[in-house]
């Protein structure tokens, strides 16, 4: 009966990361790049709104100065 037993040797595992980790990191990288693109678009929209608001304020200031000059 002892002939049926097989001696198994223990093999060391590789310490490198498996392919699942690479896939997970790639997914996280894609999501982060999408978030970065969305933040860039939002930043551009905020700058455009600030420029438009500044332009409107300048127009109102010019109109007020023209009315003051005409009234004098």
N, C-alpha and C. Protein backbone atom coordinates (compact mmCIF):
# COMPACT_ATOMS: atom_id res chain seq x y z
N UNK A 1 0.79 -1.19 0.00
CA UNK A 1 0.00 0.00 0.00
C UNK A 1 0.84 1.26 0.00
N UNK A 2 2.03 1.16 0.47
CA UNK A 2 2.87 2.35 0.49
C UNK A 2 3.34 2.72 -0.91
N UNK A 3 3.23 1.84 -1.86
CA UNK A 3 3.64 2.14 -3.23
C UNK A 3 2.67 3.11 -3.90
N UNK A 4 1.45 3.25 -3.37
CA UNK A 4 0.46 4.15 -3.94
C UNK A 4 0.70 5.61 -3.53
N UNK A 5 1.51 5.86 -2.55
CA UNK A 5 1.78 7.23 -2.11
C UNK A 5 2.83 7.87 -3.00
N UNK A 6 2.61 9.14 -3.32
CA UNK A 6 3.53 9.87 -4.20
C UNK A 6 4.14 11.00 -3.39
N UNK A 7 5.42 11.11 -3.47
CA UNK A 7 6.13 12.20 -2.79
C UNK A 7 6.03 13.46 -3.63
N UNK A 8 5.53 14.54 -3.06
CA UNK A 8 5.37 15.80 -3.80
C UNK A 8 6.39 16.80 -3.30
N UNK A 9 6.97 17.49 -4.21
CA UNK A 9 7.93 18.53 -3.82
C UNK A 9 7.23 19.88 -3.85
N UNK A 10 7.64 20.74 -2.97
CA UNK A 10 7.04 22.07 -2.88
C UNK A 10 7.80 23.03 -3.78
N UNK A 11 7.07 23.74 -4.65
CA UNK A 11 7.69 24.69 -5.56
C UNK A 11 7.37 26.11 -5.09
N UNK A 12 8.37 26.96 -5.20
CA UNK A 12 8.17 28.35 -4.79
C UNK A 12 7.35 29.09 -5.86
N UNK A 13 6.49 29.98 -5.38
CA UNK A 13 5.68 30.78 -6.31
C UNK A 13 6.49 31.96 -6.82
N UNK A 14 6.10 32.45 -7.99
CA UNK A 14 6.74 33.65 -8.52
C UNK A 14 6.22 34.85 -7.73
N UNK A 15 7.09 35.79 -7.47
CA UNK A 15 6.69 36.95 -6.69
C UNK A 15 6.07 38.05 -7.54
N UNK A 16 6.08 37.92 -8.85
CA UNK A 16 5.53 38.94 -9.74
C UNK A 16 4.02 39.00 -9.66
N UNK A 17 3.47 40.14 -10.07
CA UNK A 17 2.02 40.31 -10.06
C UNK A 17 1.40 39.53 -11.21
N UNK A 18 0.23 39.04 -10.99
CA UNK A 18 -0.46 38.26 -11.99
C UNK A 18 -1.15 39.15 -13.01
N UNK A 19 -1.70 38.54 -14.06
CA UNK A 19 -2.36 39.31 -15.10
C UNK A 19 -3.63 40.01 -14.62
N UNK A 20 -4.24 39.51 -13.57
CA UNK A 20 -5.45 40.14 -13.03
C UNK A 20 -5.11 41.53 -12.50
N UNK A 21 -3.98 41.66 -11.86
CA UNK A 21 -3.56 42.95 -11.34
C UNK A 21 -3.33 43.92 -12.48
N UNK A 22 -2.73 43.48 -13.56
CA UNK A 22 -2.50 44.34 -14.72
C UNK A 22 -3.82 44.83 -15.29
N UNK A 23 -4.80 43.94 -15.39
CA UNK A 23 -6.11 44.33 -15.91
C UNK A 23 -6.77 45.34 -15.00
N UNK A 24 -6.69 45.13 -13.70
CA UNK A 24 -7.29 46.04 -12.74
C UNK A 24 -6.64 47.42 -12.83
N UNK A 25 -5.31 47.45 -12.92
CA UNK A 25 -4.61 48.72 -13.02
C UNK A 25 -4.95 49.43 -14.33
N UNK A 26 -5.10 48.69 -15.41
CA UNK A 26 -5.48 49.31 -16.68
C UNK A 26 -6.89 49.90 -16.59
N UNK A 27 -7.80 49.22 -15.92
CA UNK A 27 -9.15 49.73 -15.75
C UNK A 27 -9.14 51.01 -14.93
N UNK A 28 -8.37 51.02 -13.86
CA UNK A 28 -8.26 52.22 -13.03
C UNK A 28 -7.65 53.36 -13.83
N UNK A 29 -6.66 53.06 -14.64
CA UNK A 29 -6.01 54.09 -15.46
C UNK A 29 -6.98 54.69 -16.46
N UNK A 30 -7.81 53.87 -17.07
CA UNK A 30 -8.81 54.37 -18.03
C UNK A 30 -9.81 55.27 -17.32
N UNK A 31 -10.26 54.85 -16.16
CA UNK A 31 -11.23 55.66 -15.42
C UNK A 31 -10.63 56.98 -14.99
N UNK A 32 -9.40 56.96 -14.54
CA UNK A 32 -8.73 58.21 -14.13
C UNK A 32 -8.53 59.14 -15.32
N UNK A 33 -8.21 58.60 -16.47
CA UNK A 33 -8.03 59.46 -17.65
C UNK A 33 -9.36 60.08 -18.06
N UNK A 34 -10.46 59.34 -17.92
CA UNK A 34 -11.78 59.92 -18.21
C UNK A 34 -12.10 61.05 -17.24
N UNK A 35 -11.79 60.86 -15.98
CA UNK A 35 -12.03 61.90 -14.98
C UNK A 35 -11.18 63.13 -15.29
N UNK A 36 -9.93 62.91 -15.69
CA UNK A 36 -9.05 64.04 -16.02
C UNK A 36 -9.59 64.81 -17.22
N UNK A 37 -10.07 64.10 -18.25
CA UNK A 37 -10.65 64.79 -19.41
C UNK A 37 -11.88 65.58 -19.01
N UNK A 38 -12.71 65.02 -18.16
CA UNK A 38 -13.91 65.73 -17.71
C UNK A 38 -13.53 66.98 -16.93
N UNK A 39 -12.50 66.89 -16.10
CA UNK A 39 -12.05 68.06 -15.33
C UNK A 39 -11.48 69.13 -16.26
N UNK A 40 -10.76 68.74 -17.30
CA UNK A 40 -10.23 69.71 -18.26
C UNK A 40 -11.37 70.45 -18.97
N UNK A 41 -12.40 69.71 -19.39
CA UNK A 41 -13.55 70.35 -20.03
C UNK A 41 -14.25 71.30 -19.08
N UNK A 42 -14.40 70.89 -17.84
CA UNK A 42 -15.04 71.74 -16.84
C UNK A 42 -14.22 73.00 -16.60
N UNK A 43 -12.91 72.86 -16.55
CA UNK A 43 -12.04 74.01 -16.35
C UNK A 43 -12.16 74.99 -17.52
N UNK A 44 -12.20 74.46 -18.75
CA UNK A 44 -12.38 75.34 -19.91
C UNK A 44 -13.72 76.06 -19.86
N UNK A 45 -14.77 75.38 -19.46
CA UNK A 45 -16.09 76.01 -19.37
C UNK A 45 -16.09 77.11 -18.32
N UNK A 46 -15.43 76.88 -17.20
CA UNK A 46 -15.36 77.91 -16.16
C UNK A 46 -14.61 79.13 -16.68
N UNK A 47 -13.49 78.92 -17.40
CA UNK A 47 -12.74 80.05 -17.96
C UNK A 47 -13.57 80.82 -18.98
N UNK A 48 -14.33 80.11 -19.81
CA UNK A 48 -15.19 80.78 -20.79
C UNK A 48 -16.26 81.60 -20.08
N UNK A 49 -16.88 81.04 -19.06
CA UNK A 49 -17.90 81.78 -18.31
C UNK A 49 -17.31 83.00 -17.62
N UNK A 50 -16.11 82.87 -17.08
CA UNK A 50 -15.46 84.02 -16.44
C UNK A 50 -15.15 85.10 -17.46
N UNK A 51 -14.69 84.71 -18.65
CA UNK A 51 -14.39 85.69 -19.70
C UNK A 51 -15.66 86.39 -20.17
N UNK A 52 -16.74 85.65 -20.34
CA UNK A 52 -18.01 86.25 -20.76
C UNK A 52 -18.52 87.21 -19.68
N UNK A 53 -18.44 86.80 -18.43
CA UNK A 53 -18.90 87.67 -17.34
C UNK A 53 -18.04 88.94 -17.28
N UNK A 54 -16.74 88.80 -17.45
CA UNK A 54 -15.86 89.98 -17.47
C UNK A 54 -16.17 90.90 -18.64
N UNK A 55 -16.43 90.32 -19.81
CA UNK A 55 -16.79 91.12 -20.98
C UNK A 55 -18.08 91.87 -20.79
N UNK A 56 -19.09 91.20 -20.21
CA UNK A 56 -20.36 91.87 -19.94
C UNK A 56 -20.18 92.99 -18.92
N UNK A 57 -19.35 92.76 -17.93
CA UNK A 57 -19.11 93.80 -16.93
C UNK A 57 -18.42 95.01 -17.57
N UNK A 58 -17.48 94.77 -18.47
CA UNK A 58 -16.81 95.87 -19.17
C UNK A 58 -17.80 96.66 -20.03
N UNK A 59 -18.69 95.95 -20.72
CA UNK A 59 -19.70 96.63 -21.53
C UNK A 59 -20.61 97.49 -20.67
N UNK A 60 -21.03 96.97 -19.53
CA UNK A 60 -21.88 97.75 -18.62
C UNK A 60 -21.13 98.96 -18.09
N UNK A 61 -19.86 98.81 -17.79
CA UNK A 61 -19.05 99.92 -17.31
C UNK A 61 -18.92 100.99 -18.40
N UNK A 62 -18.67 100.58 -19.62
CA UNK A 62 -18.59 101.54 -20.73
C UNK A 62 -19.92 102.26 -20.95
N UNK A 63 -21.00 101.51 -20.87
CA UNK A 63 -22.32 102.12 -21.04
C UNK A 63 -22.59 103.14 -19.94
N UNK A 64 -22.21 102.81 -18.70
CA UNK A 64 -22.40 103.75 -17.59
C UNK A 64 -21.54 104.99 -17.78
N UNK A 65 -20.31 104.82 -18.24
CA UNK A 65 -19.44 105.98 -18.47
C UNK A 65 -19.97 106.85 -19.61
N UNK A 66 -20.50 106.24 -20.65
CA UNK A 66 -21.06 107.00 -21.77
C UNK A 66 -22.28 107.79 -21.30
N UNK A 67 -23.13 107.18 -20.48
CA UNK A 67 -24.31 107.89 -19.97
C UNK A 67 -23.92 109.03 -19.04
N UNK A 68 -22.88 108.82 -18.23
CA UNK A 68 -22.41 109.90 -17.34
C UNK A 68 -21.86 111.06 -18.16
N UNK A 69 -21.14 110.76 -19.22
CA UNK A 69 -20.56 111.81 -20.07
C UNK A 69 -21.65 112.57 -20.81
N UNK A 70 -22.68 111.86 -21.25
CA UNK A 70 -23.79 112.50 -21.97
C UNK A 70 -24.65 113.37 -21.05
N UNK A 71 -24.74 113.00 -19.78
CA UNK A 71 -25.55 113.76 -18.84
C UNK A 71 -24.85 115.04 -18.39
N UNK A 72 -23.54 115.12 -18.50
CA UNK A 72 -22.79 116.28 -18.04
C UNK A 72 -22.76 117.36 -19.03
